Amino acid sequence: MTVLPTETGLSVQMRDGSQAEHKDAEGSSFMSCLLDGQVNETGYTEYLAMLRPIYAALESVGARLADDPIAGAVIDPAINRLDAIDRDLAYWSGGAGVPPVQSAAVDRYVARIEASAADPALFVAHHYTRYLGDLSGGQAIGRILARTFELPEGQGIAFYQFDAVPKPKPYKDAYRARLDSLPLTPRDQQRVVDEVKVVFGLNGALFEELSTQLPRFAR
């Protein structure tokens, strides 16, 4: 593949270059039902349980790459989600603990994140896709869950609450500016874009597994 120089910032390349994969992932049956308020407590709890090892891997690798000149530009412990996921799992499970996760999709996703420790530019793709997604569409999901389940104020949706980011838009704008400032060659920028596509595919596979359980998750 020949990579041509471009004046388009990396953040725009990442967004525009992965639109088809993004649309496929968010259009899954599971996510459509979740957004329509048709997934029950069991379904949402199992979804969170599948996310937990993914964020554990992200934050473990992120800690190792915190001083890297590429990955370190976006890594921010203030937006880590693992503790929030654990609080939410305690709420949704009634304190019963994390449901066991047996998922080939999660295993593949975690392995891909762990492999990116050796290639910090690719880790940026993983960090961007999850955390900027949480600060974007994730905010709407949190509101839908609160309304659907009539949750007590702030309960069960810590995952979508960023205490360190009172206004998501300025944070996201600054994050994208950091992406655009990364000292990457056009070829490496393309590798990052390609990895974003892979990440959306990994998310899509996770949603496909959850979609097979929709009869059990019906609300």
Protein backbone atom coordinates (compact mmCIF):
# COMPACT_ATOMS: atom_id res chain seq x y z
CA MET A 1 0.00 0.00 0.00
CA THR A 2 1.38 3.40 -1.00
CA VAL A 3 0.86 6.08 1.63
CA LEU A 4 0.74 9.62 0.32
CA PRO A 5 1.56 12.67 2.42
CA THR A 6 -1.48 14.51 3.74
CA GLU A 7 -2.15 17.83 5.39
CA THR A 8 -5.24 16.49 7.12
CA GLY A 9 -4.77 16.17 10.88
CA LEU A 10 -4.52 12.71 12.37
CA SER A 11 -7.69 13.15 14.42
CA VAL A 12 -9.75 13.78 11.28
CA GLN A 13 -8.10 10.87 9.50
CA MET A 14 -8.97 8.60 12.43
CA ARG A 15 -12.58 9.74 12.48
CA ASP A 16 -13.23 9.81 8.75
CA GLY A 17 -11.18 6.73 7.94
CA SER A 18 -13.16 4.52 10.31
CA GLN A 19 -16.70 5.74 9.69
CA ALA A 20 -17.90 2.52 8.07
CA GLU A 21 -16.49 0.34 10.86
CA HIS A 22 -17.87 2.70 13.51
CA LYS A 23 -21.33 2.59 11.96
CA ASP A 24 -21.28 -1.20 11.78
CA ALA A 25 -20.33 -1.52 15.46
CA GLU A 26 -22.88 0.94 16.82
CA GLY A 27 -25.60 -0.51 14.59
CA SER A 28 -25.42 -3.93 16.27
CA SER A 29 -28.64 -5.52 17.49
CA PHE A 30 -27.45 -5.42 21.10
CA MET A 31 -26.57 -1.74 21.04
CA SER A 32 -29.78 -0.85 19.21
CA CYS A 33 -31.81 -2.66 21.88
CA LEU A 34 -29.81 -1.07 24.69
CA LEU A 35 -30.44 2.40 23.29
CA ASP A 36 -34.15 1.57 22.92
CA GLY A 37 -34.40 0.53 26.56
CA GLN A 38 -34.98 -3.12 25.64
CA VAL A 39 -32.03 -4.68 27.49
CA ASN A 40 -32.61 -5.83 31.06
CA GLU A 41 -30.37 -5.57 34.11
CA THR A 42 -28.73 -8.93 33.39
CA GLY A 43 -27.80 -7.87 29.87
CA TYR A 44 -26.28 -4.60 30.96
CA THR A 45 -24.38 -6.25 33.81
CA GLU A 46 -22.89 -8.81 31.44
CA TYR A 47 -21.94 -6.04 29.02
CA LEU A 48 -20.09 -4.23 31.81
CA ALA A 49 -18.40 -7.47 32.85
CA MET A 50 -17.11 -7.88 29.29
CA LEU A 51 -15.78 -4.33 29.27
CA ARG A 52 -13.88 -4.81 32.51
CA PRO A 53 -10.94 -6.89 31.18
CA ILE A 54 -10.71 -4.56 28.19
CA TYR A 55 -10.25 -1.51 30.40
CA ALA A 56 -7.97 -3.43 32.75
CA ALA A 57 -5.71 -4.09 29.76
CA LEU A 58 -5.96 -0.51 28.49
CA GLU A 59 -5.03 0.94 31.85
CA SER A 60 -2.28 -1.57 32.53
CA VAL A 61 -0.62 -0.93 29.17
CA GLY A 62 -1.28 2.79 29.57
CA ALA A 63 0.61 2.84 32.86
CA ARG A 64 3.58 1.17 31.16
CA LEU A 65 3.52 3.66 28.28
CA ALA A 66 2.86 6.80 30.33
CA ASP A 67 6.34 8.20 29.62
CA ASP A 68 6.39 7.23 25.96
CA PRO A 69 6.65 10.30 23.68
CA ILE A 70 3.80 9.05 21.47
CA ALA A 71 1.32 7.24 23.71
CA GLY A 72 2.06 9.47 26.68
CA ALA A 73 0.61 12.44 24.81
CA VAL A 74 -2.93 11.05 25.21
CA ILE A 75 -2.71 8.85 28.33
CA ASP A 76 -4.48 10.52 31.24
CA PRO A 77 -5.12 8.56 34.47
CA ALA A 78 -7.83 11.10 35.35
CA ILE A 79 -10.15 9.50 32.78
CA ASN A 80 -9.44 5.86 33.67
CA ARG A 81 -12.63 3.83 33.86
CA LEU A 82 -11.77 0.62 35.70
CA ASP A 83 -12.73 1.84 39.18
CA ALA A 84 -15.99 3.24 37.78
CA ILE A 85 -16.79 -0.08 36.11
CA ASP A 86 -16.21 -1.87 39.42
CA ARG A 87 -18.57 0.51 41.23
CA ASP A 88 -21.21 -0.04 38.58
CA LEU A 89 -20.80 -3.82 38.66
CA ALA A 90 -21.27 -3.74 42.43
CA TYR A 91 -24.49 -1.77 41.91
CA TRP A 92 -25.96 -3.90 39.12
CA SER A 93 -24.95 -7.22 40.68
CA GLY A 94 -26.22 -6.26 44.12
CA GLY A 95 -22.74 -6.76 45.52
CA ALA A 96 -22.50 -10.31 44.17
CA GLY A 97 -19.23 -9.54 42.41
CA VAL A 98 -18.12 -9.56 38.79
CA PRO A 99 -19.95 -12.14 36.66
CA PRO A 100 -17.53 -14.63 35.07
CA VAL A 101 -16.66 -13.74 31.49
CA GLN A 102 -16.05 -16.41 28.86
CA SER A 103 -15.79 -14.56 25.59
CA ALA A 104 -13.62 -15.18 22.56
CA ALA A 105 -14.31 -11.60 21.44
CA VAL A 106 -13.05 -10.18 24.73
CA ASP A 107 -9.98 -12.43 24.64
CA ARG A 108 -9.08 -11.22 21.13
CA TYR A 109 -9.65 -7.60 22.12
CA VAL A 110 -7.47 -7.87 25.23
CA ALA A 111 -4.71 -9.62 23.29
CA ARG A 112 -4.71 -6.83 20.69
CA ILE A 113 -4.42 -4.16 23.38
CA GLU A 114 -1.59 -6.00 25.09
CA ALA A 115 0.24 -6.38 21.78
CA SER A 116 0.09 -2.61 21.27
CA ALA A 117 2.41 -2.17 24.26
CA ALA A 118 5.21 -2.89 21.79
CA ASP A 119 3.92 -0.29 19.32
CA PRO A 120 2.78 2.88 21.14
CA ALA A 121 1.31 4.48 18.01
CA LEU A 122 -1.15 1.61 17.79
CA PHE A 123 -1.98 1.95 21.47
CA VAL A 124 -3.09 5.51 20.67
CA ALA A 125 -5.74 4.02 18.36
CA HIS A 126 -7.09 1.87 21.19
CA HIS A 127 -7.06 4.73 23.70
CA TYR A 128 -8.79 7.12 21.31
CA THR A 129 -11.52 4.71 20.25
CA ARG A 130 -12.59 3.78 23.77
CA TYR A 131 -12.10 6.94 25.82
CA LEU A 132 -13.24 9.51 23.30
CA GLY A 133 -16.21 7.24 22.62
CA ASP A 134 -17.02 7.23 26.33
CA LEU A 135 -16.85 11.03 26.36
CA SER A 136 -19.06 11.25 23.28
CA GLY A 137 -21.80 8.69 22.61
CA GLY A 138 -21.22 7.17 26.02
CA GLN A 139 -22.78 10.23 27.60
CA ALA A 140 -26.05 9.56 25.79
CA ILE A 141 -25.98 5.91 26.87
CA GLY A 142 -25.63 6.99 30.49
CA ARG A 143 -28.68 9.25 30.22
CA ILE A 144 -30.71 6.50 28.54
CA LEU A 145 -29.83 4.01 31.28
CA ALA A 146 -30.73 6.48 34.01
CA ARG A 147 -34.11 7.08 32.40
CA THR A 148 -34.84 3.46 31.44
CA PHE A 149 -34.11 2.00 34.87
CA GLU A 150 -35.14 5.09 36.86
CA LEU A 151 -31.77 5.02 38.59
CA PRO A 152 -31.14 6.93 41.80
CA GLU A 153 -29.00 10.01 41.18
CA GLY A 154 -25.63 8.90 39.82
CA GLN A 155 -26.10 5.24 40.77
CA GLY A 156 -25.12 2.51 38.33
CA ILE A 157 -23.70 4.84 35.67
CA ALA A 158 -20.31 5.86 37.12
CA PHE A 159 -18.76 4.52 33.92
CA TYR A 160 -20.20 7.48 32.01
CA GLN A 161 -19.40 10.09 34.65
CA PHE A 162 -16.04 11.85 34.34
CA ASP A 163 -15.55 13.89 37.49
CA ALA A 164 -12.26 15.24 36.13
CA VAL A 165 -13.92 16.37 32.89
CA PRO A 166 -16.80 18.72 33.75
CA LYS A 167 -17.09 19.81 30.10
CA PRO A 168 -16.34 17.01 27.63
CA LYS A 169 -16.09 19.19 24.50
CA PRO A 170 -13.02 21.25 25.54
CA TYR A 171 -11.34 18.07 26.74
CA LYS A 172 -12.04 16.27 23.47
CA ASP A 173 -10.85 19.27 21.46
CA ALA A 174 -7.57 19.32 23.40
CA TYR A 175 -7.22 15.54 22.99
CA ARG A 176 -7.63 15.83 19.21
CA ALA A 177 -5.09 18.66 19.14
CA ARG A 178 -2.61 16.36 20.87
CA LEU A 179 -3.29 13.67 18.28
CA ASP A 180 -2.63 16.16 15.51
CA SER A 181 0.67 17.14 17.12
CA LEU A 182 2.06 13.60 17.36
CA PRO A 183 5.37 13.29 15.48
CA LEU A 184 4.22 10.50 13.18
CA THR A 185 5.09 9.95 9.53
CA PRO A 186 2.25 9.64 7.01
CA ARG A 187 2.85 5.89 6.98
CA ASP A 188 2.54 5.67 10.77
CA GLN A 189 -0.56 7.85 10.69
CA GLN A 190 -2.10 5.36 8.27
CA ARG A 191 -1.17 2.51 10.59
CA VAL A 192 -3.03 4.29 13.41
CA VAL A 193 -6.10 4.78 11.22
CA ASP A 194 -6.01 1.11 10.23
CA GLU A 195 -5.81 0.12 13.89
CA VAL A 196 -8.86 2.24 14.71
CA LYS A 197 -10.74 0.21 12.10
CA VAL A 198 -9.53 -2.97 13.79
CA VAL A 199 -10.70 -1.70 17.19
CA PHE A 200 -14.19 -1.00 15.90
CA GLY A 201 -14.21 -4.51 14.47
CA LEU A 202 -13.24 -5.91 17.86
CA ASN A 203 -16.07 -3.97 19.46
CA GLY A 204 -18.41 -5.23 16.78
CA ALA A 205 -17.45 -8.82 17.58
CA LEU A 206 -18.19 -8.19 21.25
CA PHE A 207 -21.62 -6.82 20.36
CA GLU A 208 -22.28 -9.81 18.10
CA GLU A 209 -21.72 -12.13 21.05
CA LEU A 210 -24.06 -10.08 23.19
CA SER A 211 -26.65 -9.99 20.41
CA THR A 212 -26.91 -13.79 20.45
CA GLN A 213 -28.15 -13.47 24.04
CA LEU A 214 -30.89 -10.90 23.36
CA PRO A 215 -33.74 -13.33 24.08
CA ARG A 216 -32.28 -13.75 27.56
CA PHE A 217 -31.67 -10.01 27.93
CA ALA A 218 -35.14 -8.91 26.77
CA ARG A 219 -36.71 -6.29 29.00
